[in-house]
Amino acid sequence: MKILLIEDHKMFATSLKESLEKMDGVEVDLVFSEEEIYTKLSRNIYDIVMVDINLTGLFTNKNGLEISREIMDTFPSTKIVILTGYNLEYYEEVAKDIGCWGFISKEEDSKSLMKKLEAVAFHDKKFFYKKKTTCEKLTIAEKKIVRLYAGGKSRKEVAEECEMSLRSLTVSLNRIYEKLQVMNYQQMTDKARELGYVDPF
């Protein structure tokens, strides 16, 4: 099996490459620049392309999902598997929409990971987590409130930026808590990150 690994942490990438290549018939190519990605994809046939979501070490304005979309646009038959430490429902849904074949945790051990990659490459099997409970969607105004809180704004600052009274903000917060099925500010920001309302990067 020939694998292309797109990962900005060289130590992790090298370690994973060594672990996977201990298995018979596995060859892993690493890339550390955007140009290298397209050069390798145009010159080689890969059974799997594994992409990390957080690629800040390689790109200043793109994440792995955006790179995956670009790869699929240029090489539509590519089987992309997202390998990530960000097990967030929103990102998993984006990966599905793009046409990725899997969304797998970096905590997966090498043998288990390899079995899944083989199932994707040779048996056209897809790997995604079970569908989680869907919360009621936030309005544009509610999303703004959540993002301001997550950005470290105080209650007074949030009220001012949203041009509402503290009392109205309290009512809105209670509605947000109800929609996200949470009890407090910390749970609200954690759930907002999980659902993609707040970027964890």
C-alpha atoms as a PDB file:
ATOM      1  CA  MET A   1       0.000   0.000   0.000  1.00  0.00           C
ATOM      2  CA  LYS A   2       1.299   3.424  -0.959  1.00  0.00           C
ATOM      3  CA  ILE A   3       0.317   6.287   1.365  1.00  0.00           C
ATOM      4  CA  LEU A   4       0.854  10.043   1.163  1.00  0.00           C
ATOM      5  CA  LEU A   5       0.884  11.692   4.599  1.00  0.00           C
ATOM      6  CA  ILE A   6       0.226  15.438   4.853  1.00  0.00           C
ATOM      7  CA  GLU A   7       1.175  16.444   8.389  1.00  0.00           C
ATOM      8  CA  ASP A   8       3.000  19.550   9.614  1.00  0.00           C
ATOM      9  CA  HIS A   9       4.523  18.010  12.769  1.00  0.00           C
ATOM     10  CA  LYS A  10       7.654  16.350  11.419  1.00  0.00           C
ATOM     11  CA  MET A  11       8.288  14.275  14.539  1.00  0.00           C
ATOM     12  CA  PHE A  12       4.792  12.789  14.518  1.00  0.00           C
ATOM     13  CA  ALA A  13       4.868  12.284  10.740  1.00  0.00           C
ATOM     14  CA  THR A  14       8.234  10.511  10.862  1.00  0.00           C
ATOM     15  CA  SER A  15       7.153   8.335  13.788  1.00  0.00           C
ATOM     16  CA  LEU A  16       3.920   7.306  12.057  1.00  0.00           C
ATOM     17  CA  LYS A  17       5.777   6.606   8.814  1.00  0.00           C
ATOM     18  CA  GLU A  18       8.221   4.318  10.653  1.00  0.00           C
ATOM     19  CA  SER A  19       5.394   2.485  12.458  1.00  0.00           C
ATOM     20  CA  LEU A  20       3.372   1.879   9.300  1.00  0.00           C
ATOM     21  CA  GLU A  21       6.368   0.867   7.183  1.00  0.00           C
ATOM     22  CA  LYS A  22       7.134  -1.954   9.636  1.00  0.00           C
ATOM     23  CA  MET A  23       4.148  -3.699   8.083  1.00  0.00           C
ATOM     24  CA  ASP A  24       4.627  -5.670   4.877  1.00  0.00           C
ATOM     25  CA  GLY A  25       4.169  -3.798   1.635  1.00  0.00           C
ATOM     26  CA  VAL A  26       3.556  -0.362   3.148  1.00  0.00           C
ATOM     27  CA  GLU A  27       5.309   2.715   1.781  1.00  0.00           C
ATOM     28  CA  VAL A  28       4.650   6.194   3.210  1.00  0.00           C
ATOM     29  CA  ASP A  29       5.676   9.452   1.528  1.00  0.00           C
ATOM     30  CA  LEU A  30       5.837  12.640   3.599  1.00  0.00           C
ATOM     31  CA  VAL A  31       5.332  16.183   2.313  1.00  0.00           C
ATOM     32  CA  PHE A  32       6.153  19.439   4.049  1.00  0.00           C
ATOM     33  CA  SER A  33       5.025  22.053   1.509  1.00  0.00           C
ATOM     34  CA  GLU A  34       1.977  22.731  -0.676  1.00  0.00           C
ATOM     35  CA  GLU A  35       4.013  22.471  -3.876  1.00  0.00           C
ATOM     36  CA  GLU A  36       5.293  19.058  -2.820  1.00  0.00           C
ATOM     37  CA  ILE A  37       1.736  17.772  -2.374  1.00  0.00           C
ATOM     38  CA  TYR A  38       0.742  18.380  -5.986  1.00  0.00           C
ATOM     39  CA  THR A  39       4.114  17.277  -7.366  1.00  0.00           C
ATOM     40  CA  LYS A  40       3.843  13.919  -5.603  1.00  0.00           C
ATOM     41  CA  LEU A  41       0.171  13.424  -6.497  1.00  0.00           C
ATOM     42  CA  SER A  42       0.847  14.127 -10.169  1.00  0.00           C
ATOM     43  CA  ARG A  43       3.817  11.749 -10.300  1.00  0.00           C
ATOM     44  CA  ASN A  44       2.586   8.875  -8.111  1.00  0.00           C
ATOM     45  CA  ILE A  45      -0.498   6.760  -7.560  1.00  0.00           C
ATOM     46  CA  TYR A  46      -1.434   6.563  -3.875  1.00  0.00           C
ATOM     47  CA  ASP A  47      -3.896   4.130  -2.347  1.00  0.00           C
ATOM     48  CA  ILE A  48      -4.571   6.575   0.497  1.00  0.00           C
ATOM     49  CA  VAL A  49      -3.841  10.244   1.213  1.00  0.00           C
ATOM     50  CA  MET A  50      -3.881  10.966   4.967  1.00  0.00           C
ATOM     51  CA  VAL A  51      -4.380  14.599   5.926  1.00  0.00           C
ATOM     52  CA  ASP A  52      -4.192  16.304   9.323  1.00  0.00           C
ATOM     53  CA  ILE A  53      -6.717  19.110   9.943  1.00  0.00           C
ATOM     54  CA  ASN A  54      -4.372  21.494  11.735  1.00  0.00           C
ATOM     55  CA  LEU A  55      -1.632  22.324   9.233  1.00  0.00           C
ATOM     56  CA  THR A  56      -0.540  25.686  10.645  1.00  0.00           C
ATOM     57  CA  GLY A  57       3.101  24.628  10.327  1.00  0.00           C
ATOM     58  CA  LEU A  58       2.638  24.349   6.545  1.00  0.00           C
ATOM     59  CA  PHE A  59      -0.063  26.896   5.721  1.00  0.00           C
ATOM     60  CA  THR A  60      -0.941  30.216   7.304  1.00  0.00           C
ATOM     61  CA  ASN A  61      -4.447  30.452   5.852  1.00  0.00           C
ATOM     62  CA  LYS A  62      -5.609  26.882   5.108  1.00  0.00           C
ATOM     63  CA  ASN A  63      -6.474  23.843   7.157  1.00  0.00           C
ATOM     64  CA  GLY A  64      -6.413  20.199   6.141  1.00  0.00           C
ATOM     65  CA  LEU A  65     -10.067  20.161   5.135  1.00  0.00           C
ATOM     66  CA  GLU A  66      -9.525  23.015   2.682  1.00  0.00           C
ATOM     67  CA  ILE A  67      -6.449  21.246   1.275  1.00  0.00           C
ATOM     68  CA  SER A  68      -8.494  18.022   0.986  1.00  0.00           C
ATOM     69  CA  ARG A  69     -11.164  19.846  -0.991  1.00  0.00           C
ATOM     70  CA  GLU A  70      -8.538  21.262  -3.357  1.00  0.00           C
ATOM     71  CA  ILE A  71      -6.980  17.817  -3.823  1.00  0.00           C
ATOM     72  CA  MET A  72     -10.399  16.314  -4.611  1.00  0.00           C
ATOM     73  CA  ASP A  73     -11.047  19.064  -7.157  1.00  0.00           C
ATOM     74  CA  THR A  74      -7.769  18.265  -8.957  1.00  0.00           C
ATOM     75  CA  PHE A  75      -7.570  14.506  -8.339  1.00  0.00           C
ATOM     76  CA  PRO A  76     -11.222  13.427  -7.820  1.00  0.00           C
ATOM     77  CA  SER A  77     -10.497   9.698  -7.464  1.00  0.00           C
ATOM     78  CA  THR A  78      -8.187  10.260  -4.457  1.00  0.00           C
ATOM     79  CA  LYS A  79      -9.152   8.407  -1.291  1.00  0.00           C
ATOM     80  CA  ILE A  80      -8.538  10.916   1.489  1.00  0.00           C
ATOM     81  CA  VAL A  81      -8.628   9.969   5.159  1.00  0.00           C
ATOM     82  CA  ILE A  82      -8.566  12.733   7.776  1.00  0.00           C
ATOM     83  CA  LEU A  83      -6.215  11.827  10.636  1.00  0.00           C
ATOM     84  CA  THR A  84      -6.695  14.297  13.447  1.00  0.00           C
ATOM     85  CA  GLY A  85      -6.642  15.167  17.121  1.00  0.00           C
ATOM     86  CA  TYR A  86      -9.745  17.349  16.598  1.00  0.00           C
ATOM     87  CA  ASN A  87     -12.609  14.893  16.982  1.00  0.00           C
ATOM     88  CA  LEU A  88     -15.270  17.534  16.359  1.00  0.00           C
ATOM     89  CA  GLU A  89     -18.663  16.787  14.833  1.00  0.00           C
ATOM     90  CA  TYR A  90     -18.546  19.843  12.578  1.00  0.00           C
ATOM     91  CA  TYR A  91     -15.206  18.883  11.022  1.00  0.00           C
ATOM     92  CA  GLU A  92     -16.367  15.320  10.511  1.00  0.00           C
ATOM     93  CA  GLU A  93     -19.448  16.556   8.657  1.00  0.00           C
ATOM     94  CA  VAL A  94     -17.277  18.805   6.462  1.00  0.00           C
ATOM     95  CA  ALA A  95     -15.000  15.831   5.709  1.00  0.00           C
ATOM     96  CA  LYS A  96     -18.029  13.790   4.621  1.00  0.00           C
ATOM     97  CA  ASP A  97     -19.316  16.610   2.435  1.00  0.00           C
ATOM     98  CA  ILE A  98     -15.926  16.940   0.722  1.00  0.00           C
ATOM     99  CA  GLY A  99     -15.963  13.239  -0.117  1.00  0.00           C
ATOM    100  CA  CYS A 100     -13.321  11.982   2.305  1.00  0.00           C
ATOM    101  CA  TRP A 101     -13.296   8.282   3.123  1.00  0.00           C
ATOM    102  CA  GLY A 102     -12.613   8.458   6.832  1.00  0.00           C
ATOM    103  CA  PHE A 103     -12.200  10.588   9.928  1.00  0.00           C
ATOM    104  CA  ILE A 104      -9.787   8.838  12.279  1.00  0.00           C
ATOM    105  CA  SER A 105      -8.251   9.889  15.597  1.00  0.00           C
ATOM    106  CA  LYS A 106      -4.497  10.302  15.941  1.00  0.00           C
ATOM    107  CA  GLU A 107      -4.807   8.250  19.108  1.00  0.00           C
ATOM    108  CA  GLU A 108      -5.565   5.141  17.034  1.00  0.00           C
ATOM    109  CA  ASP A 109      -2.772   2.571  17.353  1.00  0.00           C
ATOM    110  CA  SER A 110      -0.809   1.688  14.204  1.00  0.00           C
ATOM    111  CA  LYS A 111      -2.296  -1.776  13.671  1.00  0.00           C
ATOM    112  CA  SER A 112      -5.883  -0.588  14.060  1.00  0.00           C
ATOM    113  CA  LEU A 113      -5.173   2.385  11.786  1.00  0.00           C
ATOM    114  CA  MET A 114      -3.635   0.103   9.172  1.00  0.00           C
ATOM    115  CA  LYS A 115      -6.678  -2.192   9.169  1.00  0.00           C
ATOM    116  CA  LYS A 116      -8.932   0.772   8.521  1.00  0.00           C
ATOM    117  CA  LEU A 117      -6.677   2.107   5.757  1.00  0.00           C
ATOM    118  CA  GLU A 118      -6.648  -1.301   4.075  1.00  0.00           C
ATOM    119  CA  ALA A 119     -10.450  -1.486   4.290  1.00  0.00           C
ATOM    120  CA  VAL A 120     -10.694   1.957   2.660  1.00  0.00           C
ATOM    121  CA  ALA A 121      -8.081   1.267  -0.020  1.00  0.00           C
ATOM    122  CA  PHE A 122      -9.057  -2.262  -1.023  1.00  0.00           C
ATOM    123  CA  HIS A 123     -12.688  -2.722   0.063  1.00  0.00           C
ATOM    124  CA  ASP A 124     -14.136   0.787  -0.431  1.00  0.00           C
ATOM    125  CA  LYS A 125     -15.199   1.002   3.220  1.00  0.00           C
ATOM    126  CA  LYS A 126     -15.677   4.382   4.896  1.00  0.00           C
ATOM    127  CA  PHE A 127     -14.894   5.170   8.544  1.00  0.00           C
ATOM    128  CA  PHE A 128     -16.776   7.878  10.412  1.00  0.00           C
ATOM    129  CA  TYR A 129     -17.979   8.080  13.991  1.00  0.00           C
ATOM    130  CA  LYS A 130     -21.603   7.398  14.776  1.00  0.00           C
ATOM    131  CA  LYS A 131     -23.934  10.330  14.276  1.00  0.00           C
ATOM    132  CA  LYS A 132     -24.103  12.420  17.418  1.00  0.00           C
ATOM    133  CA  THR A 133     -27.170  14.135  18.835  1.00  0.00           C
ATOM    134  CA  THR A 134     -27.870  17.240  16.792  1.00  0.00           C
ATOM    135  CA  CYS A 135     -28.561  20.461  18.683  1.00  0.00           C
ATOM    136  CA  GLU A 136     -30.937  23.156  17.525  1.00  0.00           C
ATOM    137  CA  LYS A 137     -29.020  25.583  15.298  1.00  0.00           C
ATOM    138  CA  LEU A 138     -27.976  28.995  16.591  1.00  0.00           C
ATOM    139  CA  THR A 139     -29.066  32.190  14.882  1.00  0.00           C
ATOM    140  CA  ILE A 140     -26.505  34.638  13.453  1.00  0.00           C
ATOM    141  CA  ALA A 141     -26.929  36.869  16.525  1.00  0.00           C
ATOM    142  CA  GLU A 142     -26.484  33.904  18.887  1.00  0.00           C
ATOM    143  CA  LYS A 143     -23.350  32.778  17.060  1.00  0.00           C
ATOM    144  CA  LYS A 144     -21.905  36.274  17.491  1.00  0.00           C
ATOM    145  CA  ILE A 145     -22.556  36.134  21.244  1.00  0.00           C
ATOM    146  CA  VAL A 146     -20.862  32.730  21.544  1.00  0.00           C
ATOM    147  CA  ARG A 147     -17.823  33.836  19.535  1.00  0.00           C
ATOM    148  CA  LEU A 148     -17.402  37.005  21.587  1.00  0.00           C
ATOM    149  CA  TYR A 149     -17.501  35.018  24.826  1.00  0.00           C
ATOM    150  CA  ALA A 150     -15.086  32.451  23.432  1.00  0.00           C
ATOM    151  CA  GLY A 151     -12.783  35.326  22.460  1.00  0.00           C
ATOM    152  CA  GLY A 152     -12.526  36.410  26.092  1.00  0.00           C
ATOM    153  CA  LYS A 153     -15.012  39.290  26.128  1.00  0.00           C
ATOM    154  CA  SER A 154     -16.771  40.179  29.388  1.00  0.00           C
ATOM    155  CA  ARG A 155     -20.560  40.140  29.703  1.00  0.00           C
ATOM    156  CA  LYS A 156     -20.629  43.946  29.542  1.00  0.00           C
ATOM    157  CA  GLU A 157     -18.392  44.001  26.424  1.00  0.00           C
ATOM    158  CA  VAL A 158     -20.543  41.367  24.698  1.00  0.00           C
ATOM    159  CA  ALA A 159     -23.701  43.358  25.457  1.00  0.00           C
ATOM    160  CA  GLU A 160     -22.133  46.540  24.075  1.00  0.00           C
ATOM    161  CA  GLU A 161     -20.860  44.883  20.874  1.00  0.00           C
ATOM    162  CA  CYS A 162     -24.241  43.253  20.306  1.00  0.00           C
ATOM    163  CA  GLU A 163     -26.032  46.518  21.117  1.00  0.00           C
ATOM    164  CA  MET A 164     -28.313  44.989  23.751  1.00  0.00           C
ATOM    165  CA  SER A 165     -28.966  45.419  27.451  1.00  0.00           C
ATOM    166  CA  LEU A 166     -27.459  43.059  30.022  1.00  0.00           C
ATOM    167  CA  ARG A 167     -30.943  41.733  30.708  1.00  0.00           C
ATOM    168  CA  SER A 168     -31.522  40.975  27.006  1.00  0.00           C
ATOM    169  CA  LEU A 169     -28.110  39.299  26.859  1.00  0.00           C
ATOM    170  CA  THR A 170     -29.060  37.079  29.801  1.00  0.00           C
ATOM    171  CA  VAL A 171     -32.234  36.018  27.991  1.00  0.00           C
ATOM    172  CA  SER A 172     -30.204  35.247  24.842  1.00  0.00           C
ATOM    173  CA  LEU A 173     -27.627  33.269  26.826  1.00  0.00           C
ATOM    174  CA  ASN A 174     -30.341  31.158  28.425  1.00  0.00           C
ATOM    175  CA  ARG A 175     -31.751  30.416  24.969  1.00  0.00           C
ATOM    176  CA  ILE A 176     -28.252  29.465  23.713  1.00  0.00           C
ATOM    177  CA  TYR A 177     -27.737  27.175  26.728  1.00  0.00           C
ATOM    178  CA  GLU A 178     -31.059  25.517  25.950  1.00  0.00           C
ATOM    179  CA  LYS A 179     -30.216  25.030  22.273  1.00  0.00           C
ATOM    180  CA  LEU A 180     -26.731  23.646  22.950  1.00  0.00           C
ATOM    181  CA  GLN A 181     -27.991  21.549  25.886  1.00  0.00           C
ATOM    182  CA  VAL A 182     -25.409  23.004  28.300  1.00  0.00           C
ATOM    183  CA  MET A 183     -25.503  24.463  31.809  1.00  0.00           C
ATOM    184  CA  ASN A 184     -22.797  27.136  31.899  1.00  0.00           C
ATOM    185  CA  TYR A 185     -20.397  29.366  29.975  1.00  0.00           C
ATOM    186  CA  GLN A 186     -17.542  26.819  29.819  1.00  0.00           C
ATOM    187  CA  GLN A 187     -19.810  24.062  28.510  1.00  0.00           C
ATOM    188  CA  MET A 188     -21.224  26.551  25.995  1.00  0.00           C
ATOM    189  CA  THR A 189     -17.818  27.421  24.541  1.00  0.00           C
ATOM    190  CA  ASP A 190     -16.712  23.764  24.491  1.00  0.00           C
ATOM    191  CA  LYS A 191     -19.903  22.710  22.694  1.00  0.00           C
ATOM    192  CA  ALA A 192     -19.608  25.637  20.291  1.00  0.00           C
ATOM    193  CA  ARG A 193     -16.106  24.453  19.328  1.00  0.00           C
ATOM    194  CA  GLU A 194     -17.361  20.898  18.892  1.00  0.00           C
ATOM    195  CA  LEU A 195     -20.122  22.078  16.569  1.00  0.00           C
ATOM    196  CA  GLY A 196     -17.868  24.394  14.566  1.00  0.00           C
ATOM    197  CA  TYR A 197     -19.306  27.728  15.737  1.00  0.00           C
ATOM    198  CA  VAL A 198     -15.867  28.585  17.165  1.00  0.00           C
ATOM    199  CA  ASP A 199     -12.622  27.645  15.422  1.00  0.00           C
ATOM    200  CA  PRO A 200     -10.430  25.593  17.849  1.00  0.00           C
ATOM    201  CA  PHE A 201      -7.275  26.888  16.113  1.00  0.00           C
END
